[in-house]
């Protein structure tokens, strides 16, 4: 049973810096980890 999240997500970082790229050249792939520290299964309404 998934309950709506209440704004208590935690993140591996507060800013993702994709470093420097040249115009029209794709960047590397960077990652962000999102944590649900609660005891409830949650549903995030929108990302």
ModelCIF file with pLDDT and N, C-alpha, C, O atoms, coordinates in Angstrom:
data_MODEL
#
_entry.id   MODEL 
#
_entity.id                         1 
_entity.type                       polymer 
_entity.pdbx_number_of_molecules   1 
#
_entity_poly.entity_id                      1 
_entity_poly.type                           'polypeptide(L)' 
_entity_poly.nstd_linkage                   no 
_entity_poly.nstd_monomer                   no 
_entity_poly.pdbx_seq_one_letter_code       
;(UNK)(UNK)(UNK)(UNK)(UNK)(UNK)(UNK)(UNK)(UNK)(UNK)(UNK)(UNK)(UNK)(UNK)(UNK)(UNK)
(UNK)(UNK)(UNK)(UNK)(UNK)(UNK)(UNK)(UNK)(UNK)(UNK)(UNK)(UNK)(UNK)(UNK)(UNK)(UNK)
(UNK)(UNK)(UNK)(UNK)(UNK)(UNK)(UNK)(UNK)(UNK)(UNK)(UNK)(UNK)(UNK)(UNK)(UNK)
;
_entity_poly.pdbx_seq_one_letter_code_can   XXXXXXXXXXXXXXXXXXXXXXXXXXXXXXXXXXXXXXXXXXXXXXX 
_entity_poly.pdbx_strand_id                 A 
#
loop_
_entity_poly_seq.entity_id 
_entity_poly_seq.num 
_entity_poly_seq.mon_id 
_entity_poly_seq.hetero 
1 1  UNK n 
1 2  UNK n 
1 3  UNK n 
1 4  UNK n 
1 5  UNK n 
1 6  UNK n 
1 7  UNK n 
1 8  UNK n 
1 9  UNK n 
1 10 UNK n 
1 11 UNK n 
1 12 UNK n 
1 13 UNK n 
1 14 UNK n 
1 15 UNK n 
1 16 UNK n 
1 17 UNK n 
1 18 UNK n 
1 19 UNK n 
1 20 UNK n 
1 21 UNK n 
1 22 UNK n 
1 23 UNK n 
1 24 UNK n 
1 25 UNK n 
1 26 UNK n 
1 27 UNK n 
1 28 UNK n 
1 29 UNK n 
1 30 UNK n 
1 31 UNK n 
1 32 UNK n 
1 33 UNK n 
1 34 UNK n 
1 35 UNK n 
1 36 UNK n 
1 37 UNK n 
1 38 UNK n 
1 39 UNK n 
1 40 UNK n 
1 41 UNK n 
1 42 UNK n 
1 43 UNK n 
1 44 UNK n 
1 45 UNK n 
1 46 UNK n 
1 47 UNK n 
#
_struct_asym.id          A 
_struct_asym.entity_id   1 
#
loop_
_ma_qa_metric.id 
_ma_qa_metric.mode 
_ma_qa_metric.name 
_ma_qa_metric.software_group_id 
_ma_qa_metric.type 
1 global pLDDT . pLDDT 
2 local  pLDDT . pLDDT 
#
_ma_qa_metric_global.metric_id      1 
_ma_qa_metric_global.metric_value   91.81 
_ma_qa_metric_global.model_id       1 
_ma_qa_metric_global.ordinal_id     1 
#
loop_
_ma_qa_metric_local.label_asym_id 
_ma_qa_metric_local.label_comp_id 
_ma_qa_metric_local.label_seq_id 
_ma_qa_metric_local.metric_id 
_ma_qa_metric_local.metric_value 
_ma_qa_metric_local.model_id 
_ma_qa_metric_local.ordinal_id 
A UNK 1  2 80.00 1 1  
A UNK 2  2 86.00 1 2  
A UNK 3  2 89.00 1 3  
A UNK 4  2 89.00 1 4  
A UNK 5  2 88.00 1 5  
A UNK 6  2 88.00 1 6  
A UNK 7  2 89.00 1 7  
A UNK 8  2 91.00 1 8  
A UNK 9  2 94.00 1 9  
A UNK 10 2 95.00 1 10 
A UNK 11 2 95.00 1 11 
A UNK 12 2 94.00 1 12 
A UNK 13 2 93.00 1 13 
A UNK 14 2 92.00 1 14 
A UNK 15 2 94.00 1 15 
A UNK 16 2 94.00 1 16 
A UNK 17 2 92.00 1 17 
A UNK 18 2 89.00 1 18 
A UNK 19 2 85.00 1 19 
A UNK 20 2 91.00 1 20 
A UNK 21 2 92.00 1 21 
A UNK 22 2 93.00 1 22 
A UNK 23 2 91.00 1 23 
A UNK 24 2 90.00 1 24 
A UNK 25 2 90.00 1 25 
A UNK 26 2 90.00 1 26 
A UNK 27 2 90.00 1 27 
A UNK 28 2 89.00 1 28 
A UNK 29 2 93.00 1 29 
A UNK 30 2 94.00 1 30 
A UNK 31 2 94.00 1 31 
A UNK 32 2 95.00 1 32 
A UNK 33 2 95.00 1 33 
A UNK 34 2 95.00 1 34 
A UNK 35 2 96.00 1 35 
A UNK 36 2 94.00 1 36 
A UNK 37 2 94.00 1 37 
A UNK 38 2 92.00 1 38 
A UNK 39 2 91.00 1 39 
A UNK 40 2 92.00 1 40 
A UNK 41 2 93.00 1 41 
A UNK 42 2 93.00 1 42 
A UNK 43 2 93.00 1 43 
A UNK 44 2 94.00 1 44 
A UNK 45 2 94.00 1 45 
A UNK 46 2 94.00 1 46 
A UNK 47 2 96.00 1 47 
#
loop_
_atom_site.group_PDB 
_atom_site.id 
_atom_site.type_symbol 
_atom_site.label_atom_id 
_atom_site.label_alt_id 
_atom_site.label_comp_id 
_atom_site.label_asym_id 
_atom_site.label_entity_id 
_atom_site.label_seq_id 
_atom_site.pdbx_PDB_ins_code 
_atom_site.Cartn_x 
_atom_site.Cartn_y 
_atom_site.Cartn_z 
_atom_site.occupancy 
_atom_site.B_iso_or_equiv 
_atom_site.pdbx_formal_charge 
_atom_site.auth_seq_id 
_atom_site.auth_comp_id 
_atom_site.auth_asym_id 
_atom_site.auth_atom_id 
_atom_site.pdbx_PDB_model_num 
ATOM 1   N N  . UNK A 1 1  ? 0.856  -1.178 0.000   1.00 80.00 ? 1  UNK A N  1 
ATOM 2   C CA . UNK A 1 1  ? 0.000  0.000  0.000   1.00 80.00 ? 1  UNK A CA 1 
ATOM 3   C C  . UNK A 1 1  ? 0.891  1.228  0.000   1.00 80.00 ? 1  UNK A C  1 
ATOM 4   O O  . UNK A 1 1  ? 1.634  1.460  0.954   1.00 80.00 ? 1  UNK A O  1 
ATOM 5   N N  . UNK A 1 2  ? 0.822  2.013  -1.062  1.00 86.00 ? 2  UNK A N  1 
ATOM 6   C CA . UNK A 1 2  ? 1.678  3.182  -1.213  1.00 86.00 ? 2  UNK A CA 1 
ATOM 7   C C  . UNK A 1 2  ? 0.916  4.435  -0.795  1.00 86.00 ? 2  UNK A C  1 
ATOM 8   O O  . UNK A 1 2  ? -0.190 4.697  -1.269  1.00 86.00 ? 2  UNK A O  1 
ATOM 9   N N  . UNK A 1 3  ? 1.522  5.191  0.090   1.00 89.00 ? 3  UNK A N  1 
ATOM 10  C CA . UNK A 1 3  ? 0.938  6.459  0.538   1.00 89.00 ? 3  UNK A CA 1 
ATOM 11  C C  . UNK A 1 3  ? 1.700  7.603  -0.094  1.00 89.00 ? 3  UNK A C  1 
ATOM 12  O O  . UNK A 1 3  ? 2.895  7.467  -0.354  1.00 89.00 ? 3  UNK A O  1 
ATOM 13  N N  . UNK A 1 4  ? 1.050  8.728  -0.351  1.00 89.00 ? 4  UNK A N  1 
ATOM 14  C CA . UNK A 1 4  ? 1.752  9.874  -0.967  1.00 89.00 ? 4  UNK A CA 1 
ATOM 15  C C  . UNK A 1 4  ? 2.913  10.334 -0.093  1.00 89.00 ? 4  UNK A C  1 
ATOM 16  O O  . UNK A 1 4  ? 2.811  10.352 1.134   1.00 89.00 ? 4  UNK A O  1 
ATOM 17  N N  . UNK A 1 5  ? 4.015  10.705 -0.736  1.00 88.00 ? 5  UNK A N  1 
ATOM 18  C CA . UNK A 1 5  ? 5.158  11.222 0.009   1.00 88.00 ? 5  UNK A CA 1 
ATOM 19  C C  . UNK A 1 5  ? 4.797  12.547 0.666   1.00 88.00 ? 5  UNK A C  1 
ATOM 20  O O  . UNK A 1 5  ? 3.891  13.253 0.224   1.00 88.00 ? 5  UNK A O  1 
ATOM 21  N N  . UNK A 1 6  ? 5.522  12.868 1.728   1.00 88.00 ? 6  UNK A N  1 
ATOM 22  C CA . UNK A 1 6  ? 5.203  14.074 2.507   1.00 88.00 ? 6  UNK A CA 1 
ATOM 23  C C  . UNK A 1 6  ? 6.350  15.081 2.512   1.00 88.00 ? 6  UNK A C  1 
ATOM 24  O O  . UNK A 1 6  ? 6.448  15.916 3.411   1.00 88.00 ? 6  UNK A O  1 
ATOM 25  N N  . UNK A 1 7  ? 7.204  14.997 1.519   1.00 89.00 ? 7  UNK A N  1 
ATOM 26  C CA . UNK A 1 7  ? 8.299  15.968 1.424   1.00 89.00 ? 7  UNK A CA 1 
ATOM 27  C C  . UNK A 1 7  ? 9.489  15.634 2.289   1.00 89.00 ? 7  UNK A C  1 
ATOM 28  O O  . UNK A 1 7  ? 10.292 16.510 2.612   1.00 89.00 ? 7  UNK A O  1 
ATOM 29  N N  . UNK A 1 8  ? 9.613  14.366 2.670   1.00 91.00 ? 8  UNK A N  1 
ATOM 30  C CA . UNK A 1 8  ? 10.725 13.969 3.528   1.00 91.00 ? 8  UNK A CA 1 
ATOM 31  C C  . UNK A 1 8  ? 11.744 13.090 2.805   1.00 91.00 ? 8  UNK A C  1 
ATOM 32  O O  . UNK A 1 8  ? 12.436 12.291 3.435   1.00 91.00 ? 8  UNK A O  1 
ATOM 33  N N  . UNK A 1 9  ? 11.834 13.236 1.498   1.00 94.00 ? 9  UNK A N  1 
ATOM 34  C CA . UNK A 1 9  ? 12.850 12.508 0.741   1.00 94.00 ? 9  UNK A CA 1 
ATOM 35  C C  . UNK A 1 9  ? 14.230 13.030 1.102   1.00 94.00 ? 9  UNK A C  1 
ATOM 36  O O  . UNK A 1 9  ? 14.395 14.192 1.474   1.00 94.00 ? 9  UNK A O  1 
ATOM 37  N N  . UNK A 1 10 ? 15.215 12.153 0.986   1.00 95.00 ? 10 UNK A N  1 
ATOM 38  C CA . UNK A 1 10 ? 16.605 12.570 1.153   1.00 95.00 ? 10 UNK A CA 1 
ATOM 39  C C  . UNK A 1 10 ? 17.364 12.252 -0.130  1.00 95.00 ? 10 UNK A C  1 
ATOM 40  O O  . UNK A 1 10 ? 16.987 11.359 -0.889  1.00 95.00 ? 10 UNK A O  1 
ATOM 41  N N  . UNK A 1 11 ? 18.461 13.015 -0.360  1.00 95.00 ? 11 UNK A N  1 
ATOM 42  C CA . UNK A 1 11 ? 19.183 12.907 -1.638  1.00 95.00 ? 11 UNK A CA 1 
ATOM 43  C C  . UNK A 1 11 ? 20.680 12.735 -1.392  1.00 95.00 ? 11 UNK A C  1 
ATOM 44  O O  . UNK A 1 11 ? 21.219 13.204 -0.390  1.00 95.00 ? 11 UNK A O  1 
ATOM 45  N N  . UNK A 1 12 ? 21.332 12.059 -2.322  1.00 94.00 ? 12 UNK A N  1 
ATOM 46  C CA . UNK A 1 12 ? 22.779 11.844 -2.205  1.00 94.00 ? 12 UNK A CA 1 
ATOM 47  C C  . UNK A 1 12 ? 23.560 13.149 -2.371  1.00 94.00 ? 12 UNK A C  1 
ATOM 48  O O  . UNK A 1 12 ? 24.717 13.237 -1.959  1.00 94.00 ? 12 UNK A O  1 
ATOM 49  N N  . UNK A 1 13 ? 22.933 14.153 -2.968  1.00 93.00 ? 13 UNK A N  1 
ATOM 50  C CA . UNK A 1 13 ? 23.556 15.479 -3.098  1.00 93.00 ? 13 UNK A CA 1 
ATOM 51  C C  . UNK A 1 13 ? 22.458 16.497 -3.351  1.00 93.00 ? 13 UNK A C  1 
ATOM 52  O O  . UNK A 1 13 ? 21.390 16.164 -3.864  1.00 93.00 ? 13 UNK A O  1 
ATOM 53  N N  . UNK A 1 14 ? 22.736 17.749 -2.983  1.00 92.00 ? 14 UNK A N  1 
ATOM 54  C CA . UNK A 1 14 ? 21.725 18.783 -3.210  1.00 92.00 ? 14 UNK A CA 1 
ATOM 55  C C  . UNK A 1 14 ? 21.902 19.494 -4.538  1.00 92.00 ? 14 UNK A C  1 
ATOM 56  O O  . UNK A 1 14 ? 21.005 20.204 -4.990  1.00 92.00 ? 14 UNK A O  1 
ATOM 57  N N  . UNK A 1 15 ? 23.067 19.304 -5.172  1.00 94.00 ? 15 UNK A N  1 
ATOM 58  C CA . UNK A 1 15 ? 23.337 19.877 -6.494  1.00 94.00 ? 15 UNK A CA 1 
ATOM 59  C C  . UNK A 1 15 ? 24.100 18.863 -7.324  1.00 94.00 ? 15 UNK A C  1 
ATOM 60  O O  . UNK A 1 15 ? 25.078 18.280 -6.855  1.00 94.00 ? 15 UNK A O  1 
ATOM 61  N N  . UNK A 1 16 ? 23.660 18.651 -8.547  1.00 94.00 ? 16 UNK A N  1 
ATOM 62  C CA . UNK A 1 16 ? 24.382 17.785 -9.475  1.00 94.00 ? 16 UNK A CA 1 
ATOM 63  C C  . UNK A 1 16 ? 25.130 18.685 -10.451 1.00 94.00 ? 16 UNK A C  1 
ATOM 64  O O  . UNK A 1 16 ? 24.522 19.372 -11.272 1.00 94.00 ? 16 UNK A O  1 
ATOM 65  N N  . UNK A 1 17 ? 26.459 18.672 -10.350 1.00 92.00 ? 17 UNK A N  1 
ATOM 66  C CA . UNK A 1 17 ? 27.290 19.444 -11.269 1.00 92.00 ? 17 UNK A CA 1 
ATOM 67  C C  . UNK A 1 17 ? 27.684 18.538 -12.430 1.00 92.00 ? 17 UNK A C  1 
ATOM 68  O O  . UNK A 1 17 ? 28.354 17.524 -12.233 1.00 92.00 ? 17 UNK A O  1 
ATOM 69  N N  . UNK A 1 18 ? 27.271 18.904 -13.633 1.00 89.00 ? 18 UNK A N  1 
ATOM 70  C CA . UNK A 1 18 ? 27.606 18.101 -14.802 1.00 89.00 ? 18 UNK A CA 1 
ATOM 71  C C  . UNK A 1 18 ? 28.902 18.578 -15.449 1.00 89.00 ? 18 UNK A C  1 
ATOM 72  O O  . UNK A 1 18 ? 29.177 18.278 -16.611 1.00 89.00 ? 18 UNK A O  1 
ATOM 73  N N  . UNK A 1 19 ? 29.697 19.327 -14.678 1.00 85.00 ? 19 UNK A N  1 
ATOM 74  C CA . UNK A 1 19 ? 31.003 19.789 -15.123 1.00 85.00 ? 19 UNK A CA 1 
ATOM 75  C C  . UNK A 1 19 ? 30.886 20.603 -16.410 1.00 85.00 ? 19 UNK A C  1 
ATOM 76  O O  . UNK A 1 19 ? 29.836 21.181 -16.690 1.00 85.00 ? 19 UNK A O  1 
ATOM 77  N N  . UNK A 1 20 ? 31.950 20.645 -17.180 1.00 91.00 ? 20 UNK A N  1 
ATOM 78  C CA . UNK A 1 20 ? 32.000 21.505 -18.362 1.00 91.00 ? 20 UNK A CA 1 
ATOM 79  C C  . UNK A 1 20 ? 31.837 20.671 -19.624 1.00 91.00 ? 20 UNK A C  1 
ATOM 80  O O  . UNK A 1 20 ? 32.446 19.610 -19.760 1.00 91.00 ? 20 UNK A O  1 
ATOM 81  N N  . UNK A 1 21 ? 31.015 21.155 -20.540 1.00 92.00 ? 21 UNK A N  1 
ATOM 82  C CA . UNK A 1 21 ? 30.835 20.478 -21.822 1.00 92.00 ? 21 UNK A CA 1 
ATOM 83  C C  . UNK A 1 21 ? 30.959 21.498 -22.946 1.00 92.00 ? 21 UNK A C  1 
ATOM 84  O O  . UNK A 1 21 ? 30.824 22.701 -22.724 1.00 92.00 ? 21 UNK A O  1 
ATOM 85  N N  . UNK A 1 22 ? 31.217 21.009 -24.144 1.00 93.00 ? 22 UNK A N  1 
ATOM 86  C CA . UNK A 1 22 ? 31.195 21.863 -25.322 1.00 93.00 ? 22 UNK A CA 1 
ATOM 87  C C  . UNK A 1 22 ? 29.782 21.940 -25.876 1.00 93.00 ? 22 UNK A C  1 
ATOM 88  O O  . UNK A 1 22 ? 28.984 21.016 -25.725 1.00 93.00 ? 22 UNK A O  1 
ATOM 89  N N  . UNK A 1 23 ? 29.496 23.051 -26.511 1.00 91.00 ? 23 UNK A N  1 
ATOM 90  C CA . UNK A 1 23 ? 28.193 23.255 -27.132 1.00 91.00 ? 23 UNK A CA 1 
ATOM 91  C C  . UNK A 1 23 ? 27.868 22.111 -28.086 1.00 91.00 ? 23 UNK A C  1 
ATOM 92  O O  . UNK A 1 23 ? 28.681 21.730 -28.927 1.00 91.00 ? 23 UNK A O  1 
ATOM 93  N N  . UNK A 1 24 ? 26.646 21.569 -27.934 1.00 90.00 ? 24 UNK A N  1 
ATOM 94  C CA . UNK A 1 24 ? 26.109 20.519 -28.811 1.00 90.00 ? 24 UNK A CA 1 
ATOM 95  C C  . UNK A 1 24 ? 26.808 19.173 -28.677 1.00 90.00 ? 24 UNK A C  1 
ATOM 96  O O  . UNK A 1 24 ? 26.600 18.289 -29.508 1.00 90.00 ? 24 UNK A O  1 
ATOM 97  N N  . UNK A 1 25 ? 27.634 19.002 -27.647 1.00 90.00 ? 25 UNK A N  1 
ATOM 98  C CA . UNK A 1 25 ? 28.236 17.695 -27.380 1.00 90.00 ? 25 UNK A CA 1 
ATOM 99  C C  . UNK A 1 25 ? 27.641 17.164 -26.078 1.00 90.00 ? 25 UNK A C  1 
ATOM 100 O O  . UNK A 1 25 ? 27.654 17.853 -25.057 1.00 90.00 ? 25 UNK A O  1 
ATOM 101 N N  . UNK A 1 26 ? 27.127 15.954 -26.116 1.00 90.00 ? 26 UNK A N  1 
ATOM 102 C CA . UNK A 1 26 ? 26.477 15.385 -24.949 1.00 90.00 ? 26 UNK A CA 1 
ATOM 103 C C  . UNK A 1 26 ? 27.429 15.201 -23.782 1.00 90.00 ? 26 UNK A C  1 
ATOM 104 O O  . UNK A 1 26 ? 28.616 14.928 -23.962 1.00 90.00 ? 26 UNK A O  1 
ATOM 105 N N  . UNK A 1 27 ? 26.891 15.353 -22.594 1.00 90.00 ? 27 UNK A N  1 
ATOM 106 C CA . UNK A 1 27 ? 27.681 15.181 -21.380 1.00 90.00 ? 27 UNK A CA 1 
ATOM 107 C C  . UNK A 1 27 ? 27.820 13.704 -21.042 1.00 90.00 ? 27 UNK A C  1 
ATOM 108 O O  . UNK A 1 27 ? 27.206 12.846 -21.678 1.00 90.00 ? 27 UNK A O  1 
ATOM 109 N N  . UNK A 1 28 ? 28.627 13.425 -20.043 1.00 89.00 ? 28 UNK A N  1 
ATOM 110 C CA . UNK A 1 28 ? 28.604 12.107 -19.422 1.00 89.00 ? 28 UNK A CA 1 
ATOM 111 C C  . UNK A 1 28 ? 27.296 11.951 -18.656 1.00 89.00 ? 28 UNK A C  1 
ATOM 112 O O  . UNK A 1 28 ? 26.538 12.907 -18.499 1.00 89.00 ? 28 UNK A O  1 
ATOM 113 N N  . UNK A 1 29 ? 27.044 10.743 -18.184 1.00 93.00 ? 29 UNK A N  1 
ATOM 114 C CA . UNK A 1 29 ? 25.850 10.486 -17.385 1.00 93.00 ? 29 UNK A CA 1 
ATOM 115 C C  . UNK A 1 29 ? 26.190 10.602 -15.902 1.00 93.00 ? 29 UNK A C  1 
ATOM 116 O O  . UNK A 1 29 ? 27.128 9.973  -15.413 1.00 93.00 ? 29 UNK A O  1 
ATOM 117 N N  . UNK A 1 30 ? 25.417 11.409 -15.207 1.00 94.00 ? 30 UNK A N  1 
ATOM 118 C CA . UNK A 1 30 ? 25.610 11.605 -13.768 1.00 94.00 ? 30 UNK A CA 1 
ATOM 119 C C  . UNK A 1 30 ? 24.415 11.014 -13.030 1.00 94.00 ? 30 UNK A C  1 
ATOM 120 O O  . UNK A 1 30 ? 23.341 10.853 -13.610 1.00 94.00 ? 30 UNK A O  1 
ATOM 121 N N  . UNK A 1 31 ? 24.601 10.689 -11.747 1.00 94.00 ? 31 UNK A N  1 
ATOM 122 C CA . UNK A 1 31 ? 23.503 10.060 -11.032 1.00 94.00 ? 31 UNK A CA 1 
ATOM 123 C C  . UNK A 1 31 ? 23.175 10.782 -9.739  1.00 94.00 ? 31 UNK A C  1 
ATOM 124 O O  . UNK A 1 31 ? 24.027 11.417 -9.119  1.00 94.00 ? 31 UNK A O  1 
ATOM 125 N N  . UNK A 1 32 ? 21.936 10.665 -9.360  1.00 95.00 ? 32 UNK A N  1 
ATOM 126 C CA . UNK A 1 32 ? 21.414 11.174 -8.099  1.00 95.00 ? 32 UNK A CA 1 
ATOM 127 C C  . UNK A 1 32 ? 20.667 10.028 -7.440  1.00 95.00 ? 32 UNK A C  1 
ATOM 128 O O  . UNK A 1 32 ? 19.880 9.342  -8.091  1.00 95.00 ? 32 UNK A O  1 
ATOM 129 N N  . UNK A 1 33 ? 20.905 9.818  -6.159  1.00 95.00 ? 33 UNK A N  1 
ATOM 130 C CA . UNK A 1 33 ? 20.203 8.755  -5.448  1.00 95.00 ? 33 UNK A CA 1 
ATOM 131 C C  . UNK A 1 33 ? 19.166 9.384  -4.525  1.00 95.00 ? 33 UNK A C  1 
ATOM 132 O O  . UNK A 1 33 ? 19.467 10.315 -3.778  1.00 95.00 ? 33 UNK A O  1 
ATOM 133 N N  . UNK A 1 34 ? 17.945 8.864  -4.584  1.00 95.00 ? 34 UNK A N  1 
ATOM 134 C CA . UNK A 1 34 ? 16.820 9.367  -3.796  1.00 95.00 ? 34 UNK A CA 1 
ATOM 135 C C  . UNK A 1 34 ? 16.466 8.316  -2.745  1.00 95.00 ? 34 UNK A C  1 
ATOM 136 O O  . UNK A 1 34 ? 16.279 7.145  -3.078  1.00 95.00 ? 34 UNK A O  1 
ATOM 137 N N  . UNK A 1 35 ? 16.374 8.729  -1.475  1.00 96.00 ? 35 UNK A N  1 
ATOM 138 C CA . UNK A 1 35 ? 16.159 7.793  -0.378  1.00 96.00 ? 35 UNK A CA 1 
ATOM 139 C C  . UNK A 1 35 ? 14.789 8.003  0.272   1.00 96.00 ? 35 UNK A C  1 
ATOM 140 O O  . UNK A 1 35 ? 14.357 9.134  0.492   1.00 96.00 ? 35 UNK A O  1 
ATOM 141 N N  . UNK A 1 36 ? 14.131 6.908  0.568   1.00 94.00 ? 36 UNK A N  1 
ATOM 142 C CA . UNK A 1 36 ? 12.939 6.905  1.418   1.00 94.00 ? 36 UNK A CA 1 
ATOM 143 C C  . UNK A 1 36 ? 13.345 6.297  2.756   1.00 94.00 ? 36 UNK A C  1 
ATOM 144 O O  . UNK A 1 36 ? 13.432 5.076  2.883   1.00 94.00 ? 36 UNK A O  1 
ATOM 145 N N  . UNK A 1 37 ? 13.593 7.141  3.750   1.00 94.00 ? 37 UNK A N  1 
ATOM 146 C CA . UNK A 1 37 ? 14.069 6.653  5.047   1.00 94.00 ? 37 UNK A CA 1 
ATOM 147 C C  . UNK A 1 37 ? 12.906 6.210  5.959   1.00 94.00 ? 37 UNK A C  1 
ATOM 148 O O  . UNK A 1 37 ? 13.138 5.685  7.048   1.00 94.00 ? 37 UNK A O  1 
ATOM 149 N N  . UNK A 1 38 ? 11.679 6.419  5.517   1.00 92.00 ? 38 UNK A N  1 
ATOM 150 C CA . UNK A 1 38 ? 10.523 6.138  6.377   1.00 92.00 ? 38 UNK A CA 1 
ATOM 151 C C  . UNK A 1 38 ? 10.205 4.656  6.392   1.00 92.00 ? 38 UNK A C  1 
ATOM 152 O O  . UNK A 1 38 ? 10.791 3.865  5.653   1.00 92.00 ? 38 UNK A O  1 
ATOM 153 N N  . UNK A 1 39 ? 9.256  4.298  7.260   1.00 91.00 ? 39 UNK A N  1 
ATOM 154 C CA . UNK A 1 39 ? 8.801  2.907  7.367   1.00 91.00 ? 39 UNK A CA 1 
ATOM 155 C C  . UNK A 1 39 ? 7.637  2.606  6.436   1.00 91.00 ? 39 UNK A C  1 
ATOM 156 O O  . UNK A 1 39 ? 7.092  1.502  6.452   1.00 91.00 ? 39 UNK A O  1 
ATOM 157 N N  . UNK A 1 40 ? 7.254  3.593  5.618   1.00 92.00 ? 40 UNK A N  1 
ATOM 158 C CA . UNK A 1 40 ? 6.095  3.433  4.731   1.00 92.00 ? 40 UNK A CA 1 
ATOM 159 C C  . UNK A 1 40 ? 6.522  3.346  3.274   1.00 92.00 ? 40 UNK A C  1 
ATOM 160 O O  . UNK A 1 40 ? 7.483  3.988  2.850   1.00 92.00 ? 40 UNK A O  1 
ATOM 161 N N  . UNK A 1 41 ? 5.787  2.536  2.516   1.00 93.00 ? 41 UNK A N  1 
ATOM 162 C CA . UNK A 1 41 ? 5.943  2.551  1.065   1.00 93.00 ? 41 UNK A CA 1 
ATOM 163 C C  . UNK A 1 41 ? 5.259  3.809  0.546   1.00 93.00 ? 41 UNK A C  1 
ATOM 164 O O  . UNK A 1 41 ? 4.098  4.067  0.863   1.00 93.00 ? 41 UNK A O  1 
ATOM 165 N N  . UNK A 1 42 ? 5.984  4.593  -0.253  1.00 93.00 ? 42 UNK A N  1 
ATOM 166 C CA . UNK A 1 42 ? 5.439  5.877  -0.681  1.00 93.00 ? 42 UNK A CA 1 
ATOM 167 C C  . UNK A 1 42 ? 5.353  5.967  -2.194  1.00 93.00 ? 42 UNK A C  1 
ATOM 168 O O  . UNK A 1 42 ? 6.003  5.221  -2.926  1.00 93.00 ? 42 UNK A O  1 
ATOM 169 N N  . UNK A 1 43 ? 4.532  6.903  -2.632  1.00 93.00 ? 43 UNK A N  1 
ATOM 170 C CA . UNK A 1 43 ? 4.428  7.248  -4.044  1.00 93.00 ? 43 UNK A CA 1 
ATOM 171 C C  . UNK A 1 43 ? 4.714  8.735  -4.179  1.00 93.00 ? 43 UNK A C  1 
ATOM 172 O O  . UNK A 1 43 ? 4.071  9.569  -3.540  1.00 93.00 ? 43 UNK A O  1 
ATOM 173 N N  . UNK A 1 44 ? 5.694  9.054  -5.027  1.00 94.00 ? 44 UNK A N  1 
ATOM 174 C CA . UNK A 1 44 ? 6.030  10.458 -5.269  1.00 94.00 ? 44 UNK A CA 1 
ATOM 175 C C  . UNK A 1 44 ? 5.122  10.945 -6.395  1.00 94.00 ? 44 UNK A C  1 
ATOM 176 O O  . UNK A 1 44 ? 5.247  10.475 -7.525  1.00 94.00 ? 44 UNK A O  1 
ATOM 177 N N  . UNK A 1 45 ? 4.210  11.876 -6.112  1.00 94.00 ? 45 UNK A N  1 
ATOM 178 C CA . UNK A 1 45 ? 3.223  12.274 -7.134  1.00 94.00 ? 45 UNK A CA 1 
ATOM 179 C C  . UNK A 1 45 ? 3.855  12.743 -8.440  1.00 94.00 ? 45 UNK A C  1 
ATOM 180 O O  . UNK A 1 45 ? 3.334  12.453 -9.518  1.00 94.00 ? 45 UNK A O  1 
ATOM 181 N N  . UNK A 1 46 ? 4.971  13.463 -8.356  1.00 94.00 ? 46 UNK A N  1 
ATOM 182 C CA . UNK A 1 46 ? 5.612  13.928 -9.601  1.00 94.00 ? 46 UNK A CA 1 
ATOM 183 C C  . UNK A 1 46 ? 7.098  14.105 -9.389  1.00 94.00 ? 46 UNK A C  1 
ATOM 184 O O  . UNK A 1 46 ? 7.550  14.534 -8.327  1.00 94.00 ? 46 UNK A O  1 
ATOM 185 N N  . UNK A 1 47 ? 7.849  13.766 -10.425 1.00 96.00 ? 47 UNK A N  1 
ATOM 186 C CA . UNK A 1 47 ? 9.285  14.067 -10.531 1.00 96.00 ? 47 UNK A CA 1 
ATOM 187 C C  . UNK A 1 47 ? 9.457  14.704 -11.895 1.00 96.00 ? 47 UNK A C  1 
ATOM 188 O O  . UNK A 1 47 ? 10.572 15.068 -12.270 1.00 96.00 ? 47 UNK A O  1 
#
